[in-house]
C-alpha atoms as a PDB file:
ATOM      1  CA  MET A   1      26.029 -25.026  25.253  1.00  0.00           C
ATOM      2  CA  LYS A   2      24.678 -22.031  26.927  1.00  0.00           C
ATOM      3  CA  LYS A   3      21.207 -23.736  27.038  1.00  0.00           C
ATOM      4  CA  LEU A   4      22.833 -26.620  28.583  1.00  0.00           C
ATOM      5  CA  LEU A   5      24.665 -24.819  31.063  1.00  0.00           C
ATOM      6  CA  LEU A   6      21.421 -22.817  31.811  1.00  0.00           C
ATOM      7  CA  LEU A   7      19.538 -26.216  32.374  1.00  0.00           C
ATOM      8  CA  VAL A   8      22.445 -27.400  34.499  1.00  0.00           C
ATOM      9  CA  ILE A   9      22.304 -24.323  36.757  1.00  0.00           C
ATOM     10  CA  CYS A  10      18.250 -24.292  36.778  1.00  0.00           C
ATOM     11  CA  SER A  11      18.609 -28.144  37.692  1.00  0.00           C
ATOM     12  CA  LEU A  12      20.840 -27.691  40.379  1.00  0.00           C
ATOM     13  CA  THR A  13      19.014 -24.722  41.868  1.00  0.00           C
ATOM     14  CA  LEU A  14      15.737 -26.610  41.873  1.00  0.00           C
ATOM     15  CA  LEU A  15      17.416 -29.670  43.246  1.00  0.00           C
ATOM     16  CA  THR A  16      19.137 -27.536  45.866  1.00  0.00           C
ATOM     17  CA  ALA A  17      15.675 -25.965  46.711  1.00  0.00           C
ATOM     18  CA  CYS A  18      13.901 -29.214  46.904  1.00  0.00           C
ATOM     19  CA  SER A  19      16.849 -30.763  49.186  1.00  0.00           C
ATOM     20  CA  GLN A  20      16.346 -27.581  51.509  1.00  0.00           C
ATOM     21  CA  LYS A  21      12.601 -28.044  51.620  1.00  0.00           C
ATOM     22  CA  ALA A  22      12.856 -31.794  52.308  1.00  0.00           C
ATOM     23  CA  ASP A  23      15.253 -30.966  55.049  1.00  0.00           C
ATOM     24  CA  LEU A  24      13.099 -28.217  56.451  1.00  0.00           C
ATOM     25  CA  TYR A  25      10.075 -30.770  56.106  1.00  0.00           C
ATOM     26  CA  GLU A  26      11.977 -33.467  57.841  1.00  0.00           C
ATOM     27  CA  SER A  27      12.974 -31.101  60.462  1.00  0.00           C
ATOM     28  CA  GLN A  28       9.190 -29.989  61.048  1.00  0.00           C
ATOM     29  CA  LEU A  29       8.270 -33.818  61.241  1.00  0.00           C
ATOM     30  CA  THR A  30      11.133 -34.554  63.743  1.00  0.00           C
ATOM     31  CA  GLU A  31       9.935 -31.687  65.870  1.00  0.00           C
ATOM     32  CA  GLU A  32       6.099 -32.525  65.714  1.00  0.00           C
ATOM     33  CA  LYS A  33       7.424 -36.124  66.559  1.00  0.00           C
ATOM     34  CA  LEU A  34       9.035 -34.967  69.588  1.00  0.00           C
ATOM     35  CA  LYS A  35       6.216 -32.942  70.584  1.00  0.00           C
ATOM     36  CA  PHE A  36       3.710 -35.713  70.113  1.00  0.00           C
ATOM     37  CA  THR A  37       5.962 -38.039  72.197  1.00  0.00           C
ATOM     38  CA  GLU A  38       6.130 -35.738  75.077  1.00  0.00           C
ATOM     39  CA  GLU A  39       2.310 -35.345  75.102  1.00  0.00           C
ATOM     40  CA  ILE A  40       2.056 -39.162  74.911  1.00  0.00           C
ATOM     41  CA  ASN A  41       4.538 -39.579  77.772  1.00  0.00           C
ATOM     42  CA  GLU A  42       2.376 -36.981  79.911  1.00  0.00           C
ATOM     43  CA  LYS A  43      -0.717 -38.650  79.376  1.00  0.00           C
ATOM     44  CA  GLU A  44       0.725 -41.958  80.212  1.00  0.00           C
ATOM     45  CA  GLU A  45       1.773 -40.472  83.316  1.00  0.00           C
ATOM     46  CA  ASN A  46      -1.595 -39.001  84.007  1.00  0.00           C
ATOM     47  CA  ILE A  47      -3.164 -42.206  83.422  1.00  0.00           C
ATOM     48  CA  GLU A  48      -0.954 -44.134  85.932  1.00  0.00           C
ATOM     49  CA  GLN A  49      -1.731 -41.224  88.544  1.00  0.00           C
ATOM     50  CA  LEU A  50      -5.489 -41.903  87.758  1.00  0.00           C
ATOM     51  CA  LYS A  51      -4.946 -45.770  87.952  1.00  0.00           C
ATOM     52  CA  GLN A  52      -3.429 -45.157  91.346  1.00  0.00           C
ATOM     53  CA  LYS A  53      -6.274 -42.486  92.410  1.00  0.00           C
ATOM     54  CA  ILE A  54      -8.838 -45.291  91.193  1.00  0.00           C
ATOM     55  CA  SER A  55      -7.241 -48.014  93.356  1.00  0.00           C
ATOM     56  CA  GLN A  56      -7.288 -45.789  96.511  1.00  0.00           C
ATOM     57  CA  LEU A  57     -10.706 -44.947  95.792  1.00  0.00           C
ATOM     58  CA  ASN A  58     -11.518 -48.739  95.449  1.00  0.00           C
ATOM     59  CA  VAL A  59     -10.025 -49.407  98.666  1.00  0.00           C
ATOM     60  CA  GLN A  60     -11.940 -46.519 100.413  1.00  0.00           C
ATOM     61  CA  ILE A  61     -15.149 -47.932  98.782  1.00  0.00           C
ATOM     62  CA  ASN A  62     -14.689 -51.716 100.057  1.00  0.00           C
ATOM     63  CA  ASP A  63     -13.741 -50.030 103.471  1.00  0.00           C
ATOM     64  CA  LEU A  64     -17.113 -48.141 103.519  1.00  0.00           C
ATOM     65  CA  ASN A  65     -19.040 -51.275 102.294  1.00  0.00           C
ATOM     66  CA  LYS A  66     -17.261 -53.445 105.157  1.00  0.00           C
ATOM     67  CA  GLU A  67     -17.985 -50.809 107.619  1.00  0.00           C
ATOM     68  CA  ARG A  68     -21.521 -50.557 106.661  1.00  0.00           C
ATOM     69  CA  GLU A  69     -22.219 -54.314 106.779  1.00  0.00           C
ATOM     70  CA  ASP A  70     -20.223 -54.357 110.003  1.00  0.00           C
ATOM     71  CA  ILE A  71     -21.890 -51.792 111.912  1.00  0.00           C
ATOM     72  CA  ILE A  72     -25.305 -53.577 111.608  1.00  0.00           C
ATOM     73  CA  SER A  73     -24.015 -56.714 113.482  1.00  0.00           C
ATOM     74  CA  ILE A  74     -21.814 -54.668 115.854  1.00  0.00           C
ATOM     75  CA  SER A  75     -25.091 -52.396 116.662  1.00  0.00           C
ATOM     76  CA  ASN A  76     -27.044 -55.670 117.452  1.00  0.00           C
ATOM     77  CA  ILE A  77     -24.341 -56.898 119.966  1.00  0.00           C
ATOM     78  CA  SER A  78     -24.044 -53.422 121.713  1.00  0.00           C
ATOM     79  CA  MET A  79     -27.888 -53.527 122.023  1.00  0.00           C
ATOM     80  CA  ASP A  80     -27.799 -56.905 123.829  1.00  0.00           C
ATOM     81  CA  PHE A  81     -25.067 -55.634 126.155  1.00  0.00           C
ATOM     82  CA  ILE A  82     -26.836 -52.567 127.052  1.00  0.00           C
ATOM     83  CA  LYS A  83     -29.968 -54.638 127.649  1.00  0.00           C
ATOM     84  CA  ALA A  84     -28.070 -56.969 129.743  1.00  0.00           C
ATOM     85  CA  GLN A  85     -26.011 -54.272 131.436  1.00  0.00           C
ATOM     86  CA  THR A  86     -29.101 -52.060 132.509  1.00  0.00           C
ATOM     87  CA  THR A  87     -30.922 -55.008 133.698  1.00  0.00           C
ATOM     88  CA  GLY A  88     -28.335 -56.859 135.440  1.00  0.00           C
ATOM     89  CA  ASP A  89     -28.509 -59.982 133.345  1.00  0.00           C
ATOM     90  CA  TYR A  90     -25.514 -61.885 134.468  1.00  0.00           C
ATOM     91  CA  SER A  91     -25.694 -64.958 131.915  1.00  0.00           C
ATOM     92  CA  THR A  92     -25.926 -62.548 129.132  1.00  0.00           C
ATOM     93  CA  LEU A  93     -23.270 -60.366 129.981  1.00  0.00           C
ATOM     94  CA  GLN A  94     -20.807 -63.329 130.901  1.00  0.00           C
ATOM     95  CA  GLY A  95     -21.507 -64.741 127.119  1.00  0.00           C
ATOM     96  CA  LEU A  96     -20.859 -61.080 125.611  1.00  0.00           C
ATOM     97  CA  LEU A  97     -17.672 -60.288 127.581  1.00  0.00           C
ATOM     98  CA  PRO A  98     -14.281 -61.592 126.643  1.00  0.00           C
ATOM     99  CA  GLU A  99     -12.708 -64.237 129.124  1.00  0.00           C
ATOM    100  CA  LYS A 100     -10.511 -61.567 130.540  1.00  0.00           C
ATOM    101  CA  PHE A 101     -13.452 -60.112 132.595  1.00  0.00           C
ATOM    102  CA  SER A 102     -15.327 -61.700 135.396  1.00  0.00           C
ATOM    103  CA  LEU A 103     -18.612 -60.780 137.188  1.00  0.00           C
ATOM    104  CA  ILE A 104     -19.398 -60.729 140.770  1.00  0.00           C
ATOM    105  CA  GLU A 105     -22.907 -60.030 142.261  1.00  0.00           C
ATOM    106  CA  LYS A 106     -22.258 -58.112 145.310  1.00  0.00           C
ATOM    107  CA  ASP A 107     -24.982 -56.127 147.658  1.00  0.00           C
ATOM    108  CA  ASN A 108     -27.277 -54.494 144.930  1.00  0.00           C
ATOM    109  CA  GLU A 109     -24.508 -54.355 142.141  1.00  0.00           C
ATOM    110  CA  LEU A 110     -22.980 -56.450 139.425  1.00  0.00           C
ATOM    111  CA  LEU A 111     -19.365 -55.772 139.512  1.00  0.00           C
ATOM    112  CA  LEU A 112     -16.909 -56.227 136.778  1.00  0.00           C
ATOM    113  CA  ILE A 113     -13.506 -57.305 137.443  1.00  0.00           C
ATOM    114  CA  ASP A 114     -10.735 -56.711 134.571  1.00  0.00           C
ATOM    115  CA  GLU A 115      -7.490 -58.315 134.217  1.00  0.00           C
ATOM    116  CA  ASN A 116      -5.820 -55.967 136.468  1.00  0.00           C
ATOM    117  CA  ASP A 117      -8.288 -56.926 139.416  1.00  0.00           C
ATOM    118  CA  ILE A 118      -9.885 -53.645 139.297  1.00  0.00           C
ATOM    119  CA  ASP A 119     -13.508 -53.843 139.938  1.00  0.00           C
ATOM    120  CA  ASN A 120     -16.030 -51.552 138.354  1.00  0.00           C
ATOM    121  CA  SER A 121     -19.894 -51.269 138.876  1.00  0.00           C
ATOM    122  CA  ILE A 122     -21.837 -52.332 135.692  1.00  0.00           C
ATOM    123  CA  PHE A 123     -25.185 -52.689 137.224  1.00  0.00           C
ATOM    124  CA  ASP A 124     -26.674 -51.146 140.273  1.00  0.00           C
ATOM    125  CA  LYS A 125     -30.264 -51.778 141.363  1.00  0.00           C
ATOM    126  CA  GLU A 126     -30.489 -48.521 142.736  1.00  0.00           C
ATOM    127  CA  LYS A 127     -30.812 -46.710 139.422  1.00  0.00           C
ATOM    128  CA  THR A 128     -32.972 -47.095 136.239  1.00  0.00           C
ATOM    129  CA  LEU A 129     -32.373 -46.352 132.895  1.00  0.00           C
ATOM    130  CA  ILE A 130     -34.381 -43.654 131.473  1.00  0.00           C
ATOM    131  CA  GLY A 131     -32.925 -43.127 127.773  1.00  0.00           C
ATOM    132  CA  LEU A 132     -30.060 -43.930 125.655  1.00  0.00           C
ATOM    133  CA  GLU A 133     -28.475 -42.837 122.619  1.00  0.00           C
ATOM    134  CA  TYR A 134     -25.994 -43.633 120.012  1.00  0.00           C
ATOM    135  CA  ARG A 135     -23.292 -40.855 120.118  1.00  0.00           C
ATOM    136  CA  GLY A 136     -21.404 -42.476 117.016  1.00  0.00           C
ATOM    137  CA  TYR A 137     -18.395 -44.579 116.467  1.00  0.00           C
ATOM    138  CA  HIS A 138     -14.938 -44.695 114.999  1.00  0.00           C
ATOM    139  CA  TYR A 139     -13.826 -47.614 112.582  1.00  0.00           C
ATOM    140  CA  ASP A 140     -10.001 -48.549 112.424  1.00  0.00           C
ATOM    141  CA  SER A 141      -9.469 -50.028 109.307  1.00  0.00           C
ATOM    142  CA  LYS A 142      -5.848 -50.730 110.048  1.00  0.00           C
ATOM    143  CA  ASP A 143      -6.678 -52.874 113.105  1.00  0.00           C
ATOM    144  CA  ASN A 144     -10.137 -53.658 111.929  1.00  0.00           C
ATOM    145  CA  THR A 145     -11.681 -52.480 115.324  1.00  0.00           C
ATOM    146  CA  TYR A 146     -14.684 -50.634 116.154  1.00  0.00           C
ATOM    147  CA  ILE A 147     -15.472 -48.226 119.162  1.00  0.00           C
ATOM    148  CA  LEU A 148     -19.021 -47.328 119.644  1.00  0.00           C
ATOM    149  CA  PHE A 149     -20.015 -44.453 121.821  1.00  0.00           C
ATOM    150  CA  ILE A 150     -23.415 -44.756 123.664  1.00  0.00           C
ATOM    151  CA  ALA A 151     -25.016 -42.399 126.138  1.00  0.00           C
ATOM    152  CA  GLU A 152     -26.930 -43.961 128.887  1.00  0.00           C
ATOM    153  CA  TYR A 153     -29.294 -41.579 131.177  1.00  0.00           C
ATOM    154  CA  TYR A 154     -30.041 -42.840 134.526  1.00  0.00           C
ATOM    155  CA  GLU A 155     -32.024 -41.847 137.602  1.00  0.00           C
ATOM    156  CA  TYR A 156     -31.510 -42.889 141.063  1.00  0.00           C
ATOM    157  CA  ASN A 157     -34.455 -44.369 142.829  1.00  0.00           C
ATOM    158  CA  GLU A 158     -36.427 -42.056 145.095  1.00  0.00           C
ATOM    159  CA  ASP A 159     -35.124 -43.946 148.258  1.00  0.00           C
ATOM    160  CA  VAL A 160     -31.422 -43.061 147.467  1.00  0.00           C
ATOM    161  CA  ASP A 161     -30.119 -40.022 149.058  1.00  0.00           C
ATOM    162  CA  VAL A 162     -27.995 -38.185 146.341  1.00  0.00           C
ATOM    163  CA  GLU A 163     -27.404 -34.729 145.403  1.00  0.00           C
ATOM    164  CA  PHE A 164     -28.402 -35.089 141.662  1.00  0.00           C
ATOM    165  CA  LYS A 165     -30.980 -37.921 140.994  1.00  0.00           C
ATOM    166  CA  GLU A 166     -30.233 -37.846 137.336  1.00  0.00           C
ATOM    167  CA  PHE A 167     -27.041 -38.394 135.524  1.00  0.00           C
ATOM    168  CA  LEU A 168     -25.293 -39.318 132.187  1.00  0.00           C
ATOM    169  CA  GLN A 169     -23.006 -42.314 131.655  1.00  0.00           C
ATOM    170  CA  VAL A 170     -21.285 -42.935 128.368  1.00  0.00           C
ATOM    171  CA  VAL A 171     -20.383 -46.446 127.467  1.00  0.00           C
ATOM    172  CA  ASN A 172     -17.382 -46.866 125.221  1.00  0.00           C
ATOM    173  CA  LEU A 173     -17.574 -50.360 123.647  1.00  0.00           C
ATOM    174  CA  GLU A 174     -14.431 -51.732 121.552  1.00  0.00           C
ATOM    175  CA  PHE A 175     -15.217 -54.500 119.293  1.00  0.00           C
ATOM    176  CA  ILE A 176     -12.706 -56.851 117.251  1.00  0.00           C
ATOM    177  CA  ASP A 177     -13.479 -59.524 114.493  1.00  0.00           C
ATOM    178  CA  ASN A 178     -12.825 -62.619 115.808  1.00  0.00           C
ATOM    179  CA  GLY A 179     -12.690 -65.134 112.762  1.00  0.00           C
ATOM    180  CA  GLY A 180     -15.734 -63.326 111.144  1.00  0.00           C
ATOM    181  CA  ARG A 181     -17.286 -62.797 114.341  1.00  0.00           C
ATOM    182  CA  TRP A 182     -17.738 -59.429 116.124  1.00  0.00           C
ATOM    183  CA  GLN A 183     -17.114 -59.632 119.971  1.00  0.00           C
ATOM    184  CA  ILE A 184     -16.511 -57.133 122.603  1.00  0.00           C
ATOM    185  CA  GLU A 185     -12.897 -56.651 123.397  1.00  0.00           C
ATOM    186  CA  SER A 186     -13.077 -53.971 125.862  1.00  0.00           C
ATOM    187  CA  PHE A 187     -15.300 -51.144 127.534  1.00  0.00           C
ATOM    188  CA  ASP A 188     -15.147 -48.478 129.756  1.00  0.00           C
ATOM    189  CA  PHE A 189     -17.486 -45.864 131.233  1.00  0.00           C
ATOM    190  CA  ASP A 190     -17.258 -41.889 131.174  1.00  0.00           C
ATOM    191  CA  ILE A 191     -19.177 -40.136 133.734  1.00  0.00           C
END
């Protein structure tokens, strides 16, 4: 009987120890599961943030590619404008400018009349272009417009009585996309 009692006590001790060990093991597994679940959630959040960043970068890449393609066309149109503007080519200017502008030849000048009936001299026979440079451009992706900044260097003809024979004029040309075709929307001169 003593042996049986000893056997029962040993068995109970062993069962209790195994049970506690199983509980401890289960507790550790639960903690590890929570820890891994938190790590997975963090990584999923990081993945979502990275996907958003990739999406933003793809938009920027598309904008830059569009900008690179468009600037070639816009530069060609601006060159046509500058050539016509500096030589007084009435018909070419008329074709390049929007309908809200009109041109008038008066004396030695070609005047541009805007929608507010304000006239600006766009060409003057008394001055000669001696150089030009592109100063840069600005692309507004929201409005899909470009503004080109072009510096024109002029010299007045010898028979013109002015204090300074040479001067700088900056042309700011704004372009809009009109159904896949770029056109001049507006412009102004800074002297």
